[in-house]
Amino acid sequence: MIQHGKLLAVFNSAHRVMKAENILKKSGLAILLIPAPRALSTDCGLAICYSSDLYDTVQQSLASEDILPVIIYRKVSESCYEPIWHADDSTVSDT
């Protein structure tokens, strides 16, 4: 079960999400590759789940390898996720 406040990075392909998982785990970051919740629309059905305090580190690690997610969500309630960052406009809300 995903805890409230956790972040979910969503990618546009299974290949990209698994490559991102590999990069982040090699960096020693506490992340989990999970099936994407049904409430989220994903192309590959997977997401990377991590704590909000890792947001900057995860973004920097992925940006350095040119493999940013399509969108990042924060879990706010049992079945509600709010987008906090989107690749198209690189907006960031309070993490």
PDB file of N, CA and C in Angstrom:
ATOM      1  N   MET A   1       0.833  -1.175   0.000  1.00  0.00           N
ATOM      2  CA  MET A   1       0.000   0.000   0.000  1.00  0.00           C
ATOM      3  C   MET A   1       0.884   1.246   0.000  1.00  0.00           C
ATOM      4  N   ILE A   2       0.513   2.213  -0.798  1.00  0.00           N
ATOM      5  CA  ILE A   2       1.261   3.462  -0.907  1.00  0.00           C
ATOM      6  C   ILE A   2       0.786   4.413   0.187  1.00  0.00           C
ATOM      7  N   GLN A   3       1.736   4.933   0.951  1.00  0.00           N
ATOM      8  CA  GLN A   3       1.404   5.854   2.034  1.00  0.00           C
ATOM      9  C   GLN A   3       1.108   7.244   1.493  1.00  0.00           C
ATOM     10  N   HIS A   4       0.260   7.983   2.225  1.00  0.00           N
ATOM     11  CA  HIS A   4      -0.047   9.362   1.856  1.00  0.00           C
ATOM     12  C   HIS A   4       1.245  10.172   1.856  1.00  0.00           C
ATOM     13  N   GLY A   5       1.379  11.080   0.905  1.00  0.00           N
ATOM     14  CA  GLY A   5       2.565  11.917   0.800  1.00  0.00           C
ATOM     15  C   GLY A   5       3.665  11.341  -0.065  1.00  0.00           C
ATOM     16  N   LYS A   6       3.602  10.053  -0.370  1.00  0.00           N
ATOM     17  CA  LYS A   6       4.611   9.431  -1.238  1.00  0.00           C
ATOM     18  C   LYS A   6       4.478   9.981  -2.655  1.00  0.00           C
ATOM     19  N   LEU A   7       5.585   9.981  -3.373  1.00  0.00           N
ATOM     20  CA  LEU A   7       5.595  10.440  -4.758  1.00  0.00           C
ATOM     21  C   LEU A   7       5.656   9.254  -5.701  1.00  0.00           C
ATOM     22  N   LEU A   8       5.035   9.415  -6.861  1.00  0.00           N
ATOM     23  CA  LEU A   8       5.031   8.383  -7.892  1.00  0.00           C
ATOM     24  C   LEU A   8       5.484   8.995  -9.210  1.00  0.00           C
ATOM     25  N   ALA A   9       6.594   8.514  -9.716  1.00  0.00           N
ATOM     26  CA  ALA A   9       7.110   8.962 -11.008  1.00  0.00           C
ATOM     27  C   ALA A   9       6.596   8.006 -12.080  1.00  0.00           C
ATOM     28  N   VAL A  10       5.954   8.576 -13.092  1.00  0.00           N
ATOM     29  CA  VAL A  10       5.353   7.792 -14.168  1.00  0.00           C
ATOM     30  C   VAL A  10       6.115   8.055 -15.468  1.00  0.00           C
ATOM     31  N   PHE A  11       6.426   7.002 -16.179  1.00  0.00           N
ATOM     32  CA  PHE A  11       7.196   7.080 -17.419  1.00  0.00           C
ATOM     33  C   PHE A  11       6.335   6.620 -18.589  1.00  0.00           C
ATOM     34  N   ASN A  12       6.808   6.867 -19.811  1.00  0.00           N
ATOM     35  CA  ASN A  12       5.999   6.523 -20.985  1.00  0.00           C
ATOM     36  C   ASN A  12       6.307   5.146 -21.571  1.00  0.00           C
ATOM     37  N   SER A  13       7.206   4.383 -20.936  1.00  0.00           N
ATOM     38  CA  SER A  13       7.454   3.023 -21.413  1.00  0.00           C
ATOM     39  C   SER A  13       8.065   2.188 -20.292  1.00  0.00           C
ATOM     40  N   ALA A  14       7.873   0.901 -20.389  1.00  0.00           N
ATOM     41  CA  ALA A  14       8.439  -0.019 -19.394  1.00  0.00           C
ATOM     42  C   ALA A  14       9.963   0.037 -19.431  1.00  0.00           C
ATOM     43  N   HIS A  15      10.521   0.185 -20.614  1.00  0.00           N
ATOM     44  CA  HIS A  15      11.984   0.272 -20.752  1.00  0.00           C
ATOM     45  C   HIS A  15      12.524   1.470 -19.972  1.00  0.00           C
ATOM     46  N   ARG A  16      11.889   2.626 -20.115  1.00  0.00           N
ATOM     47  CA  ARG A  16      12.359   3.842 -19.429  1.00  0.00           C
ATOM     48  C   ARG A  16      12.205   3.740 -17.924  1.00  0.00           C
ATOM     49  N   VAL A  17      11.101   3.184 -17.457  1.00  0.00           N
ATOM     50  CA  VAL A  17      10.908   3.085 -16.010  1.00  0.00           C
ATOM     51  C   VAL A  17      11.916   2.109 -15.401  1.00  0.00           C
ATOM     52  N   MET A  18      12.219   1.036 -16.092  1.00  0.00           N
ATOM     53  CA  MET A  18      13.205   0.084 -15.563  1.00  0.00           C
ATOM     54  C   MET A  18      14.623   0.658 -15.614  1.00  0.00           C
ATOM     55  N   LYS A  19      14.924   1.451 -16.638  1.00  0.00           N
ATOM     56  CA  LYS A  19      16.219   2.115 -16.695  1.00  0.00           C
ATOM     57  C   LYS A  19      16.340   3.124 -15.551  1.00  0.00           C
ATOM     58  N   ALA A  20      15.264   3.877 -15.296  1.00  0.00           N
ATOM     59  CA  ALA A  20      15.265   4.842 -14.195  1.00  0.00           C
ATOM     60  C   ALA A  20      15.433   4.125 -12.857  1.00  0.00           C
ATOM     61  N   GLU A  21      14.742   3.007 -12.689  1.00  0.00           N
ATOM     62  CA  GLU A  21      14.882   2.232 -11.457  1.00  0.00           C
ATOM     63  C   GLU A  21      16.343   1.825 -11.252  1.00  0.00           C
ATOM     64  N   ASN A  22      16.981   1.351 -12.292  1.00  0.00           N
ATOM     65  CA  ASN A  22      18.380   0.930 -12.218  1.00  0.00           C
ATOM     66  C   ASN A  22      19.287   2.091 -11.810  1.00  0.00           C
ATOM     67  N   ILE A  23      19.093   3.247 -12.418  1.00  0.00           N
ATOM     68  CA  ILE A  23      19.892   4.434 -12.104  1.00  0.00           C
ATOM     69  C   ILE A  23      19.726   4.819 -10.635  1.00  0.00           C
ATOM     70  N   LEU A  24      18.492   4.855 -10.171  1.00  0.00           N
ATOM     71  CA  LEU A  24      18.218   5.292  -8.802  1.00  0.00           C
ATOM     72  C   LEU A  24      18.716   4.287  -7.768  1.00  0.00           C
ATOM     73  N   LYS A  25      18.569   3.004  -8.054  1.00  0.00           N
ATOM     74  CA  LYS A  25      19.066   1.994  -7.113  1.00  0.00           C
ATOM     75  C   LYS A  25      20.588   1.990  -7.060  1.00  0.00           C
ATOM     76  N   LYS A  26      21.255   2.193  -8.189  1.00  0.00           N
ATOM     77  CA  LYS A  26      22.721   2.286  -8.188  1.00  0.00           C
ATOM     78  C   LYS A  26      23.200   3.481  -7.374  1.00  0.00           C
ATOM     79  N   SER A  27      22.360   4.504  -7.288  1.00  0.00           N
ATOM     80  CA  SER A  27      22.683   5.681  -6.482  1.00  0.00           C
ATOM     81  C   SER A  27      22.390   5.456  -5.001  1.00  0.00           C
ATOM     82  N   GLY A  28      21.820   4.297  -4.675  1.00  0.00           N
ATOM     83  CA  GLY A  28      21.533   3.968  -3.283  1.00  0.00           C
ATOM     84  C   GLY A  28      20.268   4.604  -2.743  1.00  0.00           C
ATOM     85  N   LEU A  29      19.380   5.053  -3.627  1.00  0.00           N
ATOM     86  CA  LEU A  29      18.156   5.704  -3.181  1.00  0.00           C
ATOM     87  C   LEU A  29      17.072   4.675  -2.848  1.00  0.00           C
ATOM     88  N   ALA A  30      16.294   4.984  -1.830  1.00  0.00           N
ATOM     89  CA  ALA A  30      15.216   4.091  -1.385  1.00  0.00           C
ATOM     90  C   ALA A  30      13.981   4.319  -2.256  1.00  0.00           C
ATOM     91  N   ILE A  31      13.905   3.557  -3.331  1.00  0.00           N
ATOM     92  CA  ILE A  31      12.767   3.650  -4.255  1.00  0.00           C
ATOM     93  C   ILE A  31      12.189   2.257  -4.464  1.00  0.00           C
ATOM     94  N   LEU A  32      10.947   2.216  -4.938  1.00  0.00           N
ATOM     95  CA  LEU A  32      10.306   0.941  -5.264  1.00  0.00           C
ATOM     96  C   LEU A  32       9.660   1.039  -6.633  1.00  0.00           C
ATOM     97  N   LEU A  33       9.849   0.030  -7.452  1.00  0.00           N
ATOM     98  CA  LEU A  33       9.133  -0.093  -8.706  1.00  0.00           C
ATOM     99  C   LEU A  33       7.838  -0.819  -8.390  1.00  0.00           C
ATOM    100  N   ILE A  34       6.702  -0.185  -8.693  1.00  0.00           N
ATOM    101  CA  ILE A  34       5.399  -0.746  -8.322  1.00  0.00           C
ATOM    102  C   ILE A  34       4.451  -0.723  -9.518  1.00  0.00           C
ATOM    103  N   PRO A  35       3.402  -1.550  -9.459  1.00  0.00           N
ATOM    104  CA  PRO A  35       2.344  -1.391 -10.451  1.00  0.00           C
ATOM    105  C   PRO A  35       1.682  -0.032 -10.224  1.00  0.00           C
ATOM    106  N   ALA A  36       1.439   0.699 -11.287  1.00  0.00           N
ATOM    107  CA  ALA A  36       0.808   2.009 -11.141  1.00  0.00           C
ATOM    108  C   ALA A  36      -0.616   1.839 -10.616  1.00  0.00           C
ATOM    109  N   PRO A  37      -1.026   2.667  -9.676  1.00  0.00           N
ATOM    110  CA  PRO A  37      -2.398   2.587  -9.166  1.00  0.00           C
ATOM    111  C   PRO A  37      -3.412   2.806 -10.290  1.00  0.00           C
ATOM    112  N   ARG A  38      -4.558   2.204 -10.174  1.00  0.00           N
ATOM    113  CA  ARG A  38      -5.596   2.319 -11.205  1.00  0.00           C
ATOM    114  C   ARG A  38      -6.045   3.759 -11.404  1.00  0.00           C
ATOM    115  N   ALA A  39      -5.934   4.562 -10.365  1.00  0.00           N
ATOM    116  CA  ALA A  39      -6.359   5.963 -10.449  1.00  0.00           C
ATOM    117  C   ALA A  39      -5.484   6.778 -11.398  1.00  0.00           C
ATOM    118  N   LEU A  40      -4.307   6.254 -11.747  1.00  0.00           N
ATOM    119  CA  LEU A  40      -3.387   6.968 -12.629  1.00  0.00           C
ATOM    120  C   LEU A  40      -3.408   6.367 -14.022  1.00  0.00           C
ATOM    121  N   SER A  41      -3.318   7.229 -14.997  1.00  0.00           N
ATOM    122  CA  SER A  41      -3.232   6.773 -16.375  1.00  0.00           C
ATOM    123  C   SER A  41      -1.758   6.661 -16.739  1.00  0.00           C
ATOM    124  N   THR A  42      -1.317   5.452 -17.056  1.00  0.00           N
ATOM    125  CA  THR A  42       0.078   5.254 -17.437  1.00  0.00           C
ATOM    126  C   THR A  42       0.162   4.429 -18.708  1.00  0.00           C
ATOM    127  N   ASP A  43       1.204   4.678 -19.474  1.00  0.00           N
ATOM    128  CA  ASP A  43       1.410   3.921 -20.704  1.00  0.00           C
ATOM    129  C   ASP A  43       1.994   2.541 -20.434  1.00  0.00           C
ATOM    130  N   CYS A  44       2.787   2.427 -19.364  1.00  0.00           N
ATOM    131  CA  CYS A  44       3.476   1.154 -19.141  1.00  0.00           C
ATOM    132  C   CYS A  44       2.949   0.376 -17.940  1.00  0.00           C
ATOM    133  N   GLY A  45       2.093   0.976 -17.136  1.00  0.00           N
ATOM    134  CA  GLY A  45       1.519   0.257 -16.002  1.00  0.00           C
ATOM    135  C   GLY A  45       2.413   0.170 -14.785  1.00  0.00           C
ATOM    136  N   LEU A  46       3.562   0.851 -14.812  1.00  0.00           N
ATOM    137  CA  LEU A  46       4.488   0.830 -13.685  1.00  0.00           C
ATOM    138  C   LEU A  46       4.795   2.255 -13.245  1.00  0.00           C
ATOM    139  N   ALA A  47       5.240   2.390 -11.999  1.00  0.00           N
ATOM    140  CA  ALA A  47       5.650   3.691 -11.473  1.00  0.00           C
ATOM    141  C   ALA A  47       6.766   3.470 -10.462  1.00  0.00           C
ATOM    142  N   ILE A  48       7.532   4.508 -10.228  1.00  0.00           N
ATOM    143  CA  ILE A  48       8.553   4.477  -9.186  1.00  0.00           C
ATOM    144  C   ILE A  48       8.020   5.274  -8.008  1.00  0.00           C
ATOM    145  N   CYS A  49       7.999   4.631  -6.859  1.00  0.00           N
ATOM    146  CA  CYS A  49       7.472   5.230  -5.636  1.00  0.00           C
ATOM    147  C   CYS A  49       8.646   5.604  -4.727  1.00  0.00           C
ATOM    148  N   TYR A  50       8.574   6.809  -4.151  1.00  0.00           N
ATOM    149  CA  TYR A  50       9.632   7.244  -3.245  1.00  0.00           C
ATOM    150  C   TYR A  50       9.116   8.346  -2.327  1.00  0.00           C
ATOM    151  N   SER A  51       9.882   8.619  -1.301  1.00  0.00           N
ATOM    152  CA  SER A  51       9.545   9.628  -0.308  1.00  0.00           C
ATOM    153  C   SER A  51       9.748  11.025  -0.883  1.00  0.00           C
ATOM    154  N   SER A  52       8.905  11.957  -0.461  1.00  0.00           N
ATOM    155  CA  SER A  52       8.996  13.327  -0.971  1.00  0.00           C
ATOM    156  C   SER A  52      10.323  13.997  -0.623  1.00  0.00           C
ATOM    157  N   ASP A  53      10.981  13.555   0.433  1.00  0.00           N
ATOM    158  CA  ASP A  53      12.273  14.169   0.782  1.00  0.00           C
ATOM    159  C   ASP A  53      13.376  13.796  -0.216  1.00  0.00           C
ATOM    160  N   LEU A  54      13.114  12.823  -1.084  1.00  0.00           N
ATOM    161  CA  LEU A  54      14.081  12.443  -2.123  1.00  0.00           C
ATOM    162  C   LEU A  54      13.818  13.131  -3.461  1.00  0.00           C
ATOM    163  N   TYR A  55      12.802  13.985  -3.508  1.00  0.00           N
ATOM    164  CA  TYR A  55      12.380  14.593  -4.771  1.00  0.00           C
ATOM    165  C   TYR A  55      13.548  15.203  -5.544  1.00  0.00           C
ATOM    166  N   ASP A  56      14.281  16.132  -4.926  1.00  0.00           N
ATOM    167  CA  ASP A  56      15.371  16.816  -5.628  1.00  0.00           C
ATOM    168  C   ASP A  56      16.453  15.844  -6.086  1.00  0.00           C
ATOM    169  N   THR A  57      16.820  14.904  -5.231  1.00  0.00           N
ATOM    170  CA  THR A  57      17.866  13.946  -5.562  1.00  0.00           C
ATOM    171  C   THR A  57      17.442  13.049  -6.720  1.00  0.00           C
ATOM    172  N   VAL A  58      16.195  12.584  -6.690  1.00  0.00           N
ATOM    173  CA  VAL A  58      15.688  11.738  -7.776  1.00  0.00           C
ATOM    174  C   VAL A  58      15.681  12.527  -9.083  1.00  0.00           C
ATOM    175  N   GLN A  59      15.168  13.748  -9.059  1.00  0.00           N
ATOM    176  CA  GLN A  59      15.109  14.555 -10.282  1.00  0.00           C
ATOM    177  C   GLN A  59      16.514  14.812 -10.840  1.00  0.00           C
ATOM    178  N   GLN A  60      17.452  15.135  -9.973  1.00  0.00           N
ATOM    179  CA  GLN A  60      18.819  15.398 -10.429  1.00  0.00           C
ATOM    180  C   GLN A  60      19.459  14.142 -11.013  1.00  0.00           C
ATOM    181  N   SER A  61      19.264  13.010 -10.349  1.00  0.00           N
ATOM    182  CA  SER A  61      19.841  11.751 -10.835  1.00  0.00           C
ATOM    183  C   SER A  61      19.286  11.382 -12.199  1.00  0.00           C
ATOM    184  N   LEU A  62      17.979  11.521 -12.370  1.00  0.00           N
ATOM    185  CA  LEU A  62      17.357  11.164 -13.638  1.00  0.00           C
ATOM    186  C   LEU A  62      17.681  12.177 -14.732  1.00  0.00           C
ATOM    187  N   ALA A  63      17.719  13.461 -14.379  1.00  0.00           N
ATOM    188  CA  ALA A  63      18.042  14.493 -15.366  1.00  0.00           C
ATOM    189  C   ALA A  63      19.456  14.310 -15.902  1.00  0.00           C
ATOM    190  N   SER A  64      20.376  13.907 -15.032  1.00  0.00           N
ATOM    191  CA  SER A  64      21.763  13.721 -15.474  1.00  0.00           C
ATOM    192  C   SER A  64      21.896  12.582 -16.482  1.00  0.00           C
ATOM    193  N   GLU A  65      20.932  11.663 -16.477  1.00  0.00           N
ATOM    194  CA  GLU A  65      20.922  10.546 -17.429  1.00  0.00           C
ATOM    195  C   GLU A  65      19.895  10.759 -18.547  1.00  0.00           C
ATOM    196  N   ASP A  66      19.292  11.947 -18.576  1.00  0.00           N
ATOM    197  CA  ASP A  66      18.288  12.318 -19.585  1.00  0.00           C
ATOM    198  C   ASP A  66      17.125  11.323 -19.645  1.00  0.00           C
ATOM    199  N   ILE A  67      16.597  10.983 -18.485  1.00  0.00           N
ATOM    200  CA  ILE A  67      15.491  10.033 -18.419  1.00  0.00           C
ATOM    201  C   ILE A  67      14.450  10.474 -17.393  1.00  0.00           C
ATOM    202  N   LEU A  68      14.020  11.739 -17.502  1.00  0.00           N
ATOM    203  CA  LEU A  68      13.008  12.246 -16.579  1.00  0.00           C
ATOM    204  C   LEU A  68      11.662  11.570 -16.833  1.00  0.00           C
ATOM    205  N   PRO A  69      10.841  11.465 -15.781  1.00  0.00           N
ATOM    206  CA  PRO A  69       9.508  10.892 -15.960  1.00  0.00           C
ATOM    207  C   PRO A  69       8.616  11.830 -16.767  1.00  0.00           C
ATOM    208  N   VAL A  70       7.480  11.318 -17.173  1.00  0.00           N
ATOM    209  CA  VAL A  70       6.489  12.134 -17.875  1.00  0.00           C
ATOM    210  C   VAL A  70       5.766  13.031 -16.871  1.00  0.00           C
ATOM    211  N   ILE A  71       5.461  12.457 -15.711  1.00  0.00           N
ATOM    212  CA  ILE A  71       4.727  13.187 -14.679  1.00  0.00           C
ATOM    213  C   ILE A  71       5.044  12.585 -13.311  1.00  0.00           C
ATOM    214  N   ILE A  72       4.959  13.412 -12.296  1.00  0.00           N
ATOM    215  CA  ILE A  72       5.133  12.958 -10.916  1.00  0.00           C
ATOM    216  C   ILE A  72       3.876  13.332 -10.140  1.00  0.00           C
ATOM    217  N   TYR A  73       3.356  12.356  -9.409  1.00  0.00           N
ATOM    218  CA  TYR A  73       2.171  12.546  -8.586  1.00  0.00           C
ATOM    219  C   TYR A  73       2.525  12.420  -7.110  1.00  0.00           C
ATOM    220  N   ARG A  74       1.712  13.062  -6.268  1.00  0.00           N
ATOM    221  CA  ARG A  74       1.786  12.879  -4.815  1.00  0.00           C
ATOM    222  C   ARG A  74       0.458  12.259  -4.372  1.00  0.00           C
ATOM    223  N   LYS A  75       0.541  11.228  -3.534  1.00  0.00           N
ATOM    224  CA  LYS A  75      -0.672  10.614  -3.013  1.00  0.00           C
ATOM    225  C   LYS A  75      -1.227  11.506  -1.910  1.00  0.00           C
ATOM    226  N   VAL A  76      -2.488  11.921  -2.073  1.00  0.00           N
ATOM    227  CA  VAL A  76      -3.100  12.817  -1.086  1.00  0.00           C
ATOM    228  C   VAL A  76      -4.215  12.162  -0.280  1.00  0.00           C
ATOM    229  N   SER A  77      -4.787  11.093  -0.813  1.00  0.00           N
ATOM    230  CA  SER A  77      -5.796  10.338  -0.078  1.00  0.00           C
ATOM    231  C   SER A  77      -5.848   8.930  -0.651  1.00  0.00           C
ATOM    232  N   GLU A  78      -6.767   8.142  -0.156  1.00  0.00           N
ATOM    233  CA  GLU A  78      -6.794   6.718  -0.522  1.00  0.00           C
ATOM    234  C   GLU A  78      -6.757   6.458  -2.027  1.00  0.00           C
ATOM    235  N   SER A  79      -7.509   7.221  -2.797  1.00  0.00           N
ATOM    236  CA  SER A  79      -7.508   6.987  -4.246  1.00  0.00           C
ATOM    237  C   SER A  79      -7.287   8.281  -5.030  1.00  0.00           C
ATOM    238  N   CYS A  80      -6.690   9.268  -4.398  1.00  0.00           N
ATOM    239  CA  CYS A  80      -6.484  10.563  -5.041  1.00  0.00           C
ATOM    240  C   CYS A  80      -4.995  10.897  -5.107  1.00  0.00           C
ATOM    241  N   TYR A  81      -4.555  11.251  -6.297  1.00  0.00           N
ATOM    242  CA  TYR A  81      -3.168  11.619  -6.550  1.00  0.00           C
ATOM    243  C   TYR A  81      -3.158  12.969  -7.246  1.00  0.00           C
ATOM    244  N   GLU A  82      -2.326  13.895  -6.755  1.00  0.00           N
ATOM    245  CA  GLU A  82      -2.234  15.200  -7.395  1.00  0.00           C
ATOM    246  C   GLU A  82      -0.925  15.291  -8.173  1.00  0.00           C
ATOM    247  N   PRO A  83      -0.992  15.819  -9.397  1.00  0.00           N
ATOM    248  CA  PRO A  83       0.246  16.002 -10.159  1.00  0.00           C
ATOM    249  C   PRO A  83       1.046  17.149  -9.554  1.00  0.00           C
ATOM    250  N   ILE A  84       2.343  16.940  -9.361  1.00  0.00           N
ATOM    251  CA  ILE A  84       3.180  18.007  -8.811  1.00  0.00           C
ATOM    252  C   ILE A  84       4.254  18.456  -9.790  1.00  0.00           C
ATOM    253  N   TRP A  85       4.493  17.675 -10.841  1.00  0.00           N
ATOM    254  CA  TRP A  85       5.492  18.026 -11.848  1.00  0.00           C
ATOM    255  C   TRP A  85       5.116  17.346 -13.144  1.00  0.00           C
ATOM    256  N   HIS A  86       5.271  18.066 -14.249  1.00  0.00           N
ATOM    257  CA  HIS A  86       4.982  17.499 -15.562  1.00  0.00           C
ATOM    258  C   HIS A  86       6.115  17.877 -16.510  1.00  0.00           C
ATOM    259  N   ALA A  87       6.581  16.933 -17.289  1.00  0.00           N
ATOM    260  CA  ALA A  87       7.721  17.153 -18.182  1.00  0.00           C
ATOM    261  C   ALA A  87       7.452  18.241 -19.219  1.00  0.00           C
ATOM    262  N   ASP A  88       6.220  18.396 -19.659  1.00  0.00           N
ATOM    263  CA  ASP A  88       5.909  19.370 -20.689  1.00  0.00           C
ATOM    264  C   ASP A  88       6.187  20.807 -20.266  1.00  0.00           C
ATOM    265  N   ASP A  89       5.898  21.111 -18.991  1.00  0.00           N
ATOM    266  CA  ASP A  89       6.112  22.486 -18.564  1.00  0.00           C
ATOM    267  C   ASP A  89       7.031  22.610 -17.368  1.00  0.00           C
ATOM    268  N   SER A  90       7.507  21.481 -16.870  1.00  0.00           N
ATOM    269  CA  SER A  90       8.455  21.431 -15.753  1.00  0.00           C
ATOM    270  C   SER A  90       7.987  22.211 -14.518  1.00  0.00           C
ATOM    271  N   THR A  91       6.670  22.265 -14.328  1.00  0.00           N
ATOM    272  CA  THR A  91       6.158  22.949 -13.141  1.00  0.00           C
ATOM    273  C   THR A  91       6.347  22.087 -11.926  1.00  0.00           C
ATOM    274  N   VAL A  92       6.556  22.737 -10.825  1.00  0.00           N
ATOM    275  CA  VAL A  92       6.743  22.038  -9.565  1.00  0.00           C
ATOM    276  C   VAL A  92       5.893  22.719  -8.519  1.00  0.00           C
ATOM    277  N   SER A  93       5.128  21.949  -7.785  1.00  0.00           N
ATOM    278  CA  SER A  93       4.408  22.525  -6.653  1.00  0.00           C
ATOM    279  C   SER A  93       5.194  22.194  -5.397  1.00  0.00           C
ATOM    280  N   ASP A  94       4.679  22.535  -4.263  1.00  0.00           N
ATOM    281  CA  ASP A  94       5.367  22.273  -3.006  1.00  0.00           C
ATOM    282  C   ASP A  94       5.539  20.784  -2.808  1.00  0.00           C
ATOM    283  N   THR A  95       6.768  20.336  -2.666  1.00  0.00           N
ATOM    284  CA  THR A  95       7.030  18.907  -2.438  1.00  0.00           C
ATOM    285  C   THR A  95       7.280  18.626  -0.995  1.00  0.00           C
TER     286      THR A  95
END
